[in-house]
Amino acid sequence: MKAICLFFLFTMATACSEIKNDDFYDVPMLSEKINAFINAKKCFGESRDVLFVNLDVQKDTLYLDIVNTYPNINGMKFVYDTIMYGVRTLFLGEKIKGFYKNSASNDFPPDIVEINKNQRWLLERESTNWYFVYYKGASIRKSLGCDADTLGK
């Protein structure tokens, strides 16, 4: 009887953790933040043809990065590839409401995989990173480059 109860508890715990992996998160004003980042490119010097948006979730805190460089695909979770405001945008990490594609695979697009084979030169290039932290849906911290005033507070 104990074995059956332990098996049942193990099964429930595993099922609950798998359900959590299918969650998606709402990031306030994400489109506006991406647009402001793209419009601030004159501050970054060299423009890039791609940017990535990475969402990391720890308990009830969301960590969002917007970076104007190619991602390092080792250890990063691919979610969605799209064009936003004329710039190719890759969504990585946890699923963001409205910016993910239900897919059984976590495969990066073939061109991004090919670019990552030459990762050494990518790591030597400068990139700009905007960083946002949300706690229970409210913004608690942000780190922006120049032209931060273009982003509504």
Protein backbone atom coordinates (compact mmCIF):
# COMPACT_ATOMS: atom_id res chain seq x y z
CA MET A 1 0.00 0.00 0.00
CA LYS A 2 2.86 2.38 0.83
CA ALA A 3 4.43 1.69 -2.54
CA ILE A 4 1.18 2.58 -4.30
CA CYS A 5 0.86 5.84 -2.33
CA LEU A 6 4.48 6.78 -3.07
CA PHE A 7 3.99 5.99 -6.74
CA PHE A 8 0.83 8.14 -6.80
CA LEU A 9 2.62 11.08 -5.12
CA PHE A 10 5.57 10.76 -7.50
CA THR A 11 3.22 10.71 -10.50
CA MET A 12 1.34 13.80 -9.27
CA ALA A 13 4.57 15.71 -8.62
CA THR A 14 5.89 14.85 -12.07
CA ALA A 15 2.61 15.80 -13.75
CA CYS A 16 2.51 19.16 -11.98
CA SER A 17 6.07 20.00 -13.01
CA GLU A 18 5.30 19.12 -16.64
CA ILE A 19 2.22 21.36 -16.61
CA LYS A 20 4.36 24.25 -15.37
CA ASN A 21 6.67 23.85 -18.37
CA ASP A 22 3.71 24.68 -20.63
CA ASP A 23 3.07 28.02 -18.89
CA PHE A 24 3.48 31.29 -20.70
CA TYR A 25 4.04 34.69 -19.12
CA ASP A 26 2.70 38.16 -19.78
CA VAL A 27 5.36 40.86 -20.04
CA PRO A 28 3.92 44.39 -19.76
CA MET A 29 4.43 46.63 -22.81
CA LEU A 30 6.81 44.16 -24.48
CA SER A 31 6.12 45.36 -28.04
CA GLU A 32 6.71 48.95 -26.99
CA LYS A 33 9.99 48.02 -25.28
CA ILE A 34 11.22 46.17 -28.37
CA ASN A 35 10.23 49.10 -30.61
CA ALA A 36 12.03 51.58 -28.33
CA PHE A 37 15.11 49.36 -28.33
CA ILE A 38 15.14 49.19 -32.14
CA ASN A 39 14.60 52.96 -32.42
CA ALA A 40 17.49 53.59 -30.03
CA LYS A 41 19.93 51.80 -32.36
CA LYS A 42 21.60 55.08 -33.29
CA CYS A 43 23.08 55.04 -29.78
CA PHE A 44 24.54 51.59 -30.21
CA GLY A 45 26.86 52.38 -33.07
CA GLU A 46 26.79 49.35 -35.33
CA SER A 47 23.32 48.09 -36.20
CA ARG A 48 22.48 44.41 -36.21
CA ASP A 49 20.10 42.44 -38.33
CA VAL A 50 18.86 40.37 -35.40
CA LEU A 51 18.03 40.78 -31.76
CA PHE A 52 16.93 38.34 -29.14
CA VAL A 53 14.50 38.59 -26.29
CA ASN A 54 15.18 36.21 -23.42
CA LEU A 55 12.80 35.58 -20.53
CA ASP A 56 13.95 33.83 -17.37
CA VAL A 57 11.48 33.04 -14.58
CA GLN A 58 12.42 32.39 -10.98
CA LYS A 59 9.46 31.86 -8.66
CA ASP A 60 7.29 34.99 -9.11
CA THR A 61 10.04 37.18 -10.61
CA LEU A 62 10.53 37.67 -14.37
CA TYR A 63 13.91 38.63 -15.84
CA LEU A 64 13.74 40.00 -19.39
CA ASP A 65 16.72 40.77 -21.64
CA ILE A 66 16.62 42.47 -25.04
CA VAL A 67 19.98 42.18 -26.79
CA ASN A 68 21.09 43.21 -30.30
CA THR A 69 23.27 40.23 -31.13
CA TYR A 70 23.03 36.60 -32.12
CA PRO A 71 22.31 34.24 -29.24
CA ASN A 72 24.66 31.55 -28.04
CA ILE A 73 22.50 28.52 -28.74
CA ASN A 74 24.28 26.29 -26.24
CA GLY A 75 22.07 26.15 -23.18
CA MET A 76 19.45 28.59 -24.50
CA LYS A 77 15.88 27.50 -25.12
CA PHE A 78 14.45 28.57 -28.49
CA VAL A 79 10.79 29.62 -28.48
CA TYR A 80 9.91 31.79 -31.51
CA ASP A 81 11.40 33.48 -34.59
CA THR A 82 9.61 36.49 -36.12
CA ILE A 83 10.09 39.94 -37.65
CA MET A 84 9.20 42.89 -35.40
CA TYR A 85 9.44 46.50 -36.59
CA GLY A 86 11.61 45.38 -39.51
CA VAL A 87 14.14 43.46 -37.38
CA ARG A 88 14.40 39.69 -37.01
CA THR A 89 13.58 38.89 -33.39
CA LEU A 90 14.29 35.59 -31.67
CA PHE A 91 12.43 34.77 -28.47
CA LEU A 92 14.33 32.57 -26.05
CA GLY A 93 13.82 31.15 -22.59
CA GLU A 94 10.33 30.92 -21.19
CA LYS A 95 7.26 31.47 -23.35
CA ILE A 96 5.90 35.01 -23.50
CA LYS A 97 2.19 35.48 -24.12
CA GLY A 98 1.69 36.22 -27.81
CA PHE A 99 5.34 35.54 -28.71
CA TYR A 100 5.74 31.80 -28.82
CA LYS A 101 4.97 28.92 -31.09
CA ASN A 102 3.75 25.56 -29.83
CA SER A 103 6.32 23.13 -31.09
CA ALA A 104 7.58 19.78 -29.98
CA SER A 105 11.15 20.69 -30.90
CA ASN A 106 13.48 23.24 -29.38
CA ASP A 107 15.48 23.57 -32.60
CA PHE A 108 17.01 26.89 -33.55
CA PRO A 109 16.59 27.97 -37.20
CA PRO A 110 19.34 26.48 -39.42
CA ASP A 111 20.91 29.87 -40.24
CA ILE A 112 21.32 30.69 -36.53
CA VAL A 113 22.93 27.28 -35.96
CA GLU A 114 25.34 27.96 -38.83
CA ILE A 115 26.23 31.40 -37.46
CA ASN A 116 26.91 29.84 -34.05
CA LYS A 117 29.57 27.60 -35.60
CA ASN A 118 31.59 30.82 -35.91
CA GLN A 119 30.70 31.92 -32.36
CA ARG A 120 34.21 33.19 -31.61
CA TRP A 121 33.83 36.34 -33.70
CA LEU A 122 30.37 36.95 -32.28
CA LEU A 123 31.67 36.99 -28.70
CA GLU A 124 34.25 39.64 -29.59
CA ARG A 125 31.63 42.08 -30.91
CA GLU A 126 29.97 44.56 -28.61
CA SER A 127 26.25 44.36 -28.04
CA THR A 128 23.72 46.40 -26.13
CA ASN A 129 21.52 44.86 -23.49
CA TRP A 130 18.34 46.23 -21.96
CA TYR A 131 17.37 44.41 -18.79
CA PHE A 132 14.00 44.42 -16.99
CA VAL A 133 12.90 42.77 -13.74
CA TYR A 134 9.24 42.26 -12.81
CA TYR A 135 7.97 41.05 -9.46
CA LYS A 136 4.34 39.92 -9.30
CA GLY A 137 3.60 41.82 -12.51
CA ALA A 138 5.16 45.14 -11.44
CA SER A 139 8.42 46.52 -12.81
CA ILE A 140 10.98 46.71 -10.02
CA ARG A 141 14.19 47.33 -11.96
CA LYS A 142 15.42 48.22 -15.42
CA SER A 143 18.78 48.89 -16.97
CA LEU A 144 18.67 50.73 -20.29
CA GLY A 145 21.26 52.17 -22.61
CA CYS A 146 21.01 55.65 -24.07
CA ASP A 147 17.68 56.96 -25.32
CA ALA A 148 16.01 55.46 -22.26
CA ASP A 149 13.56 58.36 -22.32
CA THR A 150 11.96 56.92 -25.45
CA LEU A 151 10.56 54.13 -23.29
CA GLY A 152 7.38 55.03 -21.39
CA LYS A 153 7.72 54.67 -17.67
